[in-house]
């Protein structure tokens, strides 16, 4: 079973004007989605197991000055690179492991919730 991971870093907070630059990103609202290659049936259709985690990442405005990218030229890939760079490899790996663990728990549950009858 293999999992794939996809970042969504498209929602950002900006300063309308920062040191002469327009729409300077200073905060990213990110989401990391994990999708399993293993599937299960939901409403008669085969769908993959999924999990997601989300958060925000502040950007260093001092660093933006040298790497400023006009807002119109920003892409999810560029902003994803910023977020992952600031988080560091270990934190990114921890996020992916957390998603893997959630997906594994869905596939093979270790606990169940039941209702006691009267």
N, C-alpha and C. Protein backbone atom coordinates (compact mmCIF):
# COMPACT_ATOMS: atom_id res chain seq x y z
N UNK A 1 0.84 -1.18 0.00
CA UNK A 1 0.00 0.00 0.00
C UNK A 1 0.89 1.25 0.00
N UNK A 2 0.66 2.12 -0.93
CA UNK A 2 1.43 3.36 -1.02
C UNK A 2 0.50 4.56 -0.81
N UNK A 3 1.03 5.54 -0.15
CA UNK A 3 0.28 6.79 0.04
C UNK A 3 0.92 7.88 -0.80
N UNK A 4 0.08 8.79 -1.27
CA UNK A 4 0.58 10.00 -1.92
C UNK A 4 0.17 11.19 -1.07
N UNK A 5 0.92 12.26 -1.18
CA UNK A 5 0.68 13.44 -0.36
C UNK A 5 0.62 14.67 -1.26
N UNK A 6 -0.33 15.53 -0.99
CA UNK A 6 -0.50 16.74 -1.80
C UNK A 6 -0.71 17.95 -0.89
N UNK A 7 0.05 18.98 -1.17
CA UNK A 7 -0.04 20.22 -0.40
C UNK A 7 -1.00 21.19 -1.08
N UNK A 8 -1.77 21.89 -0.26
CA UNK A 8 -2.60 23.01 -0.73
C UNK A 8 -2.14 24.23 0.07
N UNK A 9 -1.46 25.13 -0.60
CA UNK A 9 -0.93 26.35 0.04
C UNK A 9 -1.43 27.59 -0.68
N UNK A 10 -2.68 27.54 -1.13
CA UNK A 10 -3.21 28.61 -1.97
C UNK A 10 -3.85 29.75 -1.20
N UNK A 11 -4.15 29.54 0.08
CA UNK A 11 -4.78 30.60 0.88
C UNK A 11 -3.72 31.28 1.71
N UNK A 12 -3.57 32.57 1.51
CA UNK A 12 -2.50 33.31 2.17
C UNK A 12 -3.02 34.64 2.72
N UNK A 13 -2.31 35.14 3.72
CA UNK A 13 -2.54 36.49 4.22
C UNK A 13 -1.45 37.37 3.64
N UNK A 14 -1.82 38.58 3.22
CA UNK A 14 -0.86 39.48 2.59
C UNK A 14 -0.92 40.86 3.22
N UNK A 15 0.19 41.57 3.13
CA UNK A 15 0.21 43.01 3.39
C UNK A 15 -0.03 43.69 2.06
N UNK A 16 -1.06 44.53 1.95
CA UNK A 16 -1.33 45.20 0.68
C UNK A 16 -0.12 45.99 0.16
N UNK A 17 0.64 46.58 1.10
CA UNK A 17 1.85 47.31 0.71
C UNK A 17 2.90 47.06 1.78
N UNK A 18 4.02 46.48 1.37
CA UNK A 18 5.12 46.22 2.31
C UNK A 18 6.42 46.58 1.61
N UNK A 19 7.05 47.64 2.11
CA UNK A 19 8.33 48.12 1.57
C UNK A 19 8.29 48.27 0.06
N UNK A 20 7.19 48.83 -0.45
CA UNK A 20 7.06 49.10 -1.88
C UNK A 20 6.57 47.93 -2.71
N UNK A 21 6.37 46.78 -2.10
CA UNK A 21 5.85 45.60 -2.80
C UNK A 21 4.36 45.45 -2.50
N UNK A 22 3.61 45.09 -3.51
CA UNK A 22 2.17 44.92 -3.37
C UNK A 22 1.84 43.47 -3.05
N UNK A 23 0.87 43.28 -2.13
CA UNK A 23 0.37 41.95 -1.77
C UNK A 23 1.49 40.99 -1.36
N UNK A 24 2.23 41.40 -0.34
CA UNK A 24 3.34 40.60 0.17
C UNK A 24 2.81 39.54 1.14
N UNK A 25 3.05 38.27 0.83
CA UNK A 25 2.57 37.16 1.66
C UNK A 25 3.38 37.11 2.95
N UNK A 26 2.66 37.04 4.08
CA UNK A 26 3.34 36.88 5.36
C UNK A 26 2.85 35.67 6.16
N UNK A 27 1.75 35.04 5.71
CA UNK A 27 1.20 33.89 6.42
C UNK A 27 0.50 32.97 5.42
N UNK A 28 0.71 31.67 5.57
CA UNK A 28 0.13 30.68 4.66
C UNK A 28 -0.80 29.76 5.45
N UNK A 29 -2.01 29.59 4.95
CA UNK A 29 -2.95 28.61 5.49
C UNK A 29 -2.80 27.36 4.63
N UNK A 30 -2.14 26.34 5.17
CA UNK A 30 -1.81 25.16 4.38
C UNK A 30 -2.65 23.96 4.80
N UNK A 31 -2.75 23.01 3.87
CA UNK A 31 -3.40 21.72 4.13
C UNK A 31 -2.55 20.67 3.42
N UNK A 32 -2.29 19.56 4.13
CA UNK A 32 -1.59 18.43 3.55
C UNK A 32 -2.56 17.26 3.52
N UNK A 33 -2.83 16.75 2.32
CA UNK A 33 -3.76 15.64 2.12
C UNK A 33 -2.98 14.38 1.80
N UNK A 34 -3.37 13.29 2.46
CA UNK A 34 -2.78 11.98 2.19
C UNK A 34 -3.84 11.08 1.56
N UNK A 35 -3.45 10.34 0.54
CA UNK A 35 -4.37 9.43 -0.16
C UNK A 35 -3.70 8.07 -0.31
N UNK A 36 -4.43 7.03 0.09
CA UNK A 36 -3.91 5.66 -0.01
C UNK A 36 -4.21 5.07 -1.37
N UNK A 37 -3.35 4.16 -1.81
CA UNK A 37 -3.64 3.42 -3.04
C UNK A 37 -4.70 2.35 -2.77
N UNK A 38 -4.88 1.99 -1.51
CA UNK A 38 -5.90 1.00 -1.13
C UNK A 38 -7.26 1.68 -1.11
N UNK A 39 -8.27 0.98 -1.58
CA UNK A 39 -9.61 1.56 -1.69
C UNK A 39 -10.63 0.75 -0.89
N UNK A 40 -11.76 1.40 -0.62
CA UNK A 40 -12.89 0.76 0.04
C UNK A 40 -14.18 1.29 -0.57
N UNK A 41 -15.27 0.60 -0.28
CA UNK A 41 -16.54 0.97 -0.90
C UNK A 41 -17.28 1.99 -0.03
N UNK A 42 -17.74 3.06 -0.68
CA UNK A 42 -18.57 4.08 -0.04
C UNK A 42 -19.71 4.38 -1.00
N UNK A 43 -20.92 4.16 -0.54
CA UNK A 43 -22.11 4.41 -1.37
C UNK A 43 -22.00 3.75 -2.73
N UNK A 44 -21.51 2.52 -2.75
CA UNK A 44 -21.43 1.75 -3.99
C UNK A 44 -20.27 2.08 -4.90
N UNK A 45 -19.37 2.96 -4.45
CA UNK A 45 -18.22 3.32 -5.29
C UNK A 45 -16.92 3.02 -4.54
N UNK A 46 -15.92 2.62 -5.29
CA UNK A 46 -14.59 2.39 -4.72
C UNK A 46 -13.85 3.72 -4.60
N UNK A 47 -13.47 4.07 -3.38
CA UNK A 47 -12.75 5.33 -3.14
C UNK A 47 -11.53 5.04 -2.27
N UNK A 48 -10.49 5.86 -2.42
CA UNK A 48 -9.30 5.65 -1.60
C UNK A 48 -9.52 6.10 -0.15
N UNK A 49 -8.74 5.55 0.74
CA UNK A 49 -8.70 6.06 2.11
C UNK A 49 -7.94 7.38 2.08
N UNK A 50 -8.41 8.34 2.85
CA UNK A 50 -7.76 9.65 2.87
C UNK A 50 -7.67 10.20 4.30
N UNK A 51 -6.77 11.12 4.48
CA UNK A 51 -6.63 11.85 5.74
C UNK A 51 -6.01 13.20 5.40
N UNK A 52 -6.24 14.18 6.26
CA UNK A 52 -5.63 15.49 6.03
C UNK A 52 -5.30 16.16 7.35
N UNK A 53 -4.39 17.08 7.27
CA UNK A 53 -3.99 17.90 8.40
C UNK A 53 -3.80 19.32 7.86
N UNK A 54 -4.06 20.31 8.71
CA UNK A 54 -3.93 21.69 8.24
C UNK A 54 -3.35 22.57 9.33
N UNK A 55 -2.88 23.73 8.92
CA UNK A 55 -2.32 24.68 9.87
C UNK A 55 -1.96 25.97 9.17
N UNK A 56 -1.23 26.80 9.87
CA UNK A 56 -0.74 28.05 9.29
C UNK A 56 0.77 28.11 9.49
N UNK A 57 1.43 28.82 8.58
CA UNK A 57 2.87 29.01 8.68
C UNK A 57 3.19 30.46 8.41
N UNK A 58 3.78 31.12 9.39
CA UNK A 58 4.22 32.50 9.21
C UNK A 58 5.50 32.51 8.40
N UNK A 59 5.64 33.53 7.57
CA UNK A 59 6.85 33.69 6.76
C UNK A 59 7.67 34.83 7.33
N UNK A 60 8.97 34.72 7.24
CA UNK A 60 9.87 35.77 7.69
C UNK A 60 9.87 36.90 6.66
N UNK A 61 9.41 38.06 7.05
CA UNK A 61 9.35 39.18 6.11
C UNK A 61 10.73 39.66 5.70
N UNK A 62 11.72 39.41 6.53
CA UNK A 62 13.09 39.79 6.16
C UNK A 62 13.55 38.97 4.96
N UNK A 63 13.18 37.71 4.92
CA UNK A 63 13.58 36.84 3.81
C UNK A 63 12.80 37.13 2.53
N UNK A 64 11.59 37.64 2.68
CA UNK A 64 10.76 37.90 1.50
C UNK A 64 11.37 38.97 0.61
N UNK A 65 12.02 39.94 1.20
CA UNK A 65 12.60 41.02 0.42
C UNK A 65 13.52 40.53 -0.68
N UNK A 66 14.35 39.54 -0.37
CA UNK A 66 15.29 39.04 -1.37
C UNK A 66 14.65 38.04 -2.32
N UNK A 67 13.60 37.35 -1.86
CA UNK A 67 12.94 36.33 -2.68
C UNK A 67 11.53 36.76 -3.08
N UNK A 68 11.28 38.05 -3.10
CA UNK A 68 9.92 38.52 -3.39
C UNK A 68 9.47 38.04 -4.77
N UNK A 69 8.28 37.48 -4.79
CA UNK A 69 7.64 37.07 -6.03
C UNK A 69 6.33 37.83 -6.12
N UNK A 70 6.08 38.56 -7.21
CA UNK A 70 4.82 39.28 -7.34
C UNK A 70 3.64 38.31 -7.16
N UNK A 71 2.61 38.79 -6.48
CA UNK A 71 1.46 37.93 -6.17
C UNK A 71 0.90 37.25 -7.41
N UNK A 72 0.83 37.97 -8.50
CA UNK A 72 0.28 37.41 -9.75
C UNK A 72 1.12 36.24 -10.28
N UNK A 73 2.39 36.17 -9.86
CA UNK A 73 3.28 35.10 -10.32
C UNK A 73 3.39 33.94 -9.34
N UNK A 74 2.76 34.05 -8.17
CA UNK A 74 2.84 32.98 -7.19
C UNK A 74 2.06 31.75 -7.64
N UNK A 75 2.57 30.60 -7.29
CA UNK A 75 1.89 29.33 -7.55
C UNK A 75 1.86 28.53 -6.25
N UNK A 76 1.02 27.53 -6.22
CA UNK A 76 0.97 26.64 -5.07
C UNK A 76 2.35 26.01 -4.83
N UNK A 77 3.04 25.65 -5.90
CA UNK A 77 4.35 25.02 -5.79
C UNK A 77 5.37 25.94 -5.13
N UNK A 78 5.36 27.21 -5.50
CA UNK A 78 6.30 28.17 -4.90
C UNK A 78 6.04 28.30 -3.40
N UNK A 79 4.77 28.51 -3.05
CA UNK A 79 4.41 28.72 -1.64
C UNK A 79 4.64 27.44 -0.84
N UNK A 80 4.34 26.30 -1.44
CA UNK A 80 4.61 25.01 -0.78
C UNK A 80 6.09 24.91 -0.44
N UNK A 81 6.95 25.31 -1.36
CA UNK A 81 8.39 25.29 -1.11
C UNK A 81 8.78 26.15 0.07
N UNK A 82 8.18 27.34 0.17
CA UNK A 82 8.44 28.21 1.32
C UNK A 82 8.04 27.53 2.62
N UNK A 83 6.82 26.98 2.64
CA UNK A 83 6.29 26.37 3.86
C UNK A 83 7.17 25.19 4.29
N UNK A 84 7.49 24.31 3.36
CA UNK A 84 8.29 23.13 3.69
C UNK A 84 9.70 23.53 4.12
N UNK A 85 10.25 24.56 3.51
CA UNK A 85 11.58 25.01 3.87
C UNK A 85 11.61 25.54 5.31
N UNK A 86 10.59 26.31 5.68
CA UNK A 86 10.52 26.86 7.03
C UNK A 86 10.25 25.76 8.05
N UNK A 87 9.35 24.84 7.73
CA UNK A 87 9.04 23.74 8.64
C UNK A 87 10.24 22.84 8.87
N UNK A 88 10.97 22.56 7.81
CA UNK A 88 12.10 21.65 7.89
C UNK A 88 11.68 20.23 7.57
N UNK A 89 12.65 19.45 7.13
CA UNK A 89 12.40 18.08 6.68
C UNK A 89 11.79 17.21 7.77
N UNK A 90 12.24 17.38 9.01
CA UNK A 90 11.75 16.53 10.10
C UNK A 90 10.26 16.77 10.36
N UNK A 91 9.84 18.03 10.40
CA UNK A 91 8.42 18.34 10.63
C UNK A 91 7.56 17.85 9.47
N UNK A 92 8.01 18.02 8.24
CA UNK A 92 7.26 17.53 7.08
C UNK A 92 7.13 16.01 7.16
N UNK A 93 8.20 15.33 7.53
CA UNK A 93 8.15 13.87 7.67
C UNK A 93 7.19 13.46 8.78
N UNK A 94 7.17 14.21 9.88
CA UNK A 94 6.24 13.92 10.98
C UNK A 94 4.79 14.09 10.54
N UNK A 95 4.50 15.12 9.74
CA UNK A 95 3.15 15.34 9.24
C UNK A 95 2.71 14.17 8.35
N UNK A 96 3.60 13.75 7.47
CA UNK A 96 3.28 12.62 6.58
C UNK A 96 3.08 11.33 7.38
N UNK A 97 3.89 11.11 8.41
CA UNK A 97 3.73 9.92 9.24
C UNK A 97 2.39 9.96 9.97
N UNK A 98 2.01 11.12 10.45
CA UNK A 98 0.72 11.27 11.12
C UNK A 98 -0.43 10.91 10.17
N UNK A 99 -0.35 11.36 8.93
CA UNK A 99 -1.38 11.03 7.95
C UNK A 99 -1.36 9.54 7.63
N UNK A 100 -0.18 8.96 7.50
CA UNK A 100 -0.07 7.53 7.25
C UNK A 100 -0.72 6.75 8.39
N UNK A 101 -0.44 7.16 9.63
CA UNK A 101 -1.02 6.48 10.79
C UNK A 101 -2.56 6.59 10.79
N UNK A 102 -3.09 7.75 10.43
CA UNK A 102 -4.55 7.93 10.36
C UNK A 102 -5.16 7.02 9.29
N UNK A 103 -4.51 6.95 8.14
CA UNK A 103 -5.01 6.10 7.05
C UNK A 103 -4.93 4.62 7.47
N UNK A 104 -3.81 4.23 8.08
CA UNK A 104 -3.66 2.84 8.54
C UNK A 104 -4.76 2.50 9.55
N UNK A 105 -5.10 3.43 10.42
CA UNK A 105 -6.15 3.21 11.42
C UNK A 105 -7.51 3.05 10.75
N UNK A 106 -7.75 3.76 9.68
CA UNK A 106 -9.00 3.60 8.93
C UNK A 106 -9.06 2.22 8.27
N UNK A 107 -7.94 1.79 7.72
CA UNK A 107 -7.90 0.52 7.01
C UNK A 107 -8.04 -0.65 7.98
N UNK A 108 -7.29 -0.59 9.09
CA UNK A 108 -7.31 -1.65 10.09
C UNK A 108 -7.51 -1.01 11.47
N UNK A 109 -8.76 -0.77 11.84
CA UNK A 109 -9.04 -0.08 13.11
C UNK A 109 -8.53 -0.87 14.32
N UNK A 110 -7.98 -0.15 15.28
CA UNK A 110 -7.54 -0.76 16.53
C UNK A 110 -8.54 -0.49 17.65
N UNK A 111 -9.53 0.37 17.40
CA UNK A 111 -10.59 0.65 18.36
C UNK A 111 -11.90 0.77 17.61
N UNK A 112 -13.00 0.60 18.34
CA UNK A 112 -14.34 0.76 17.78
C UNK A 112 -15.21 1.49 18.80
N UNK A 113 -16.21 2.20 18.34
CA UNK A 113 -17.20 2.82 19.19
C UNK A 113 -18.50 2.06 19.05
N UNK A 114 -19.06 1.65 20.18
CA UNK A 114 -20.30 0.89 20.17
C UNK A 114 -21.29 1.50 21.13
N UNK A 115 -22.58 1.21 20.90
CA UNK A 115 -23.64 1.69 21.78
C UNK A 115 -24.21 0.51 22.55
N UNK A 116 -24.33 0.71 23.84
CA UNK A 116 -24.89 -0.33 24.71
C UNK A 116 -26.40 -0.28 24.61
N UNK A 117 -27.02 -1.43 24.39
CA UNK A 117 -28.48 -1.50 24.29
C UNK A 117 -29.12 -1.57 25.66
N UNK A 118 -30.39 -1.20 25.75
CA UNK A 118 -31.13 -1.22 27.03
C UNK A 118 -31.77 -2.56 27.21
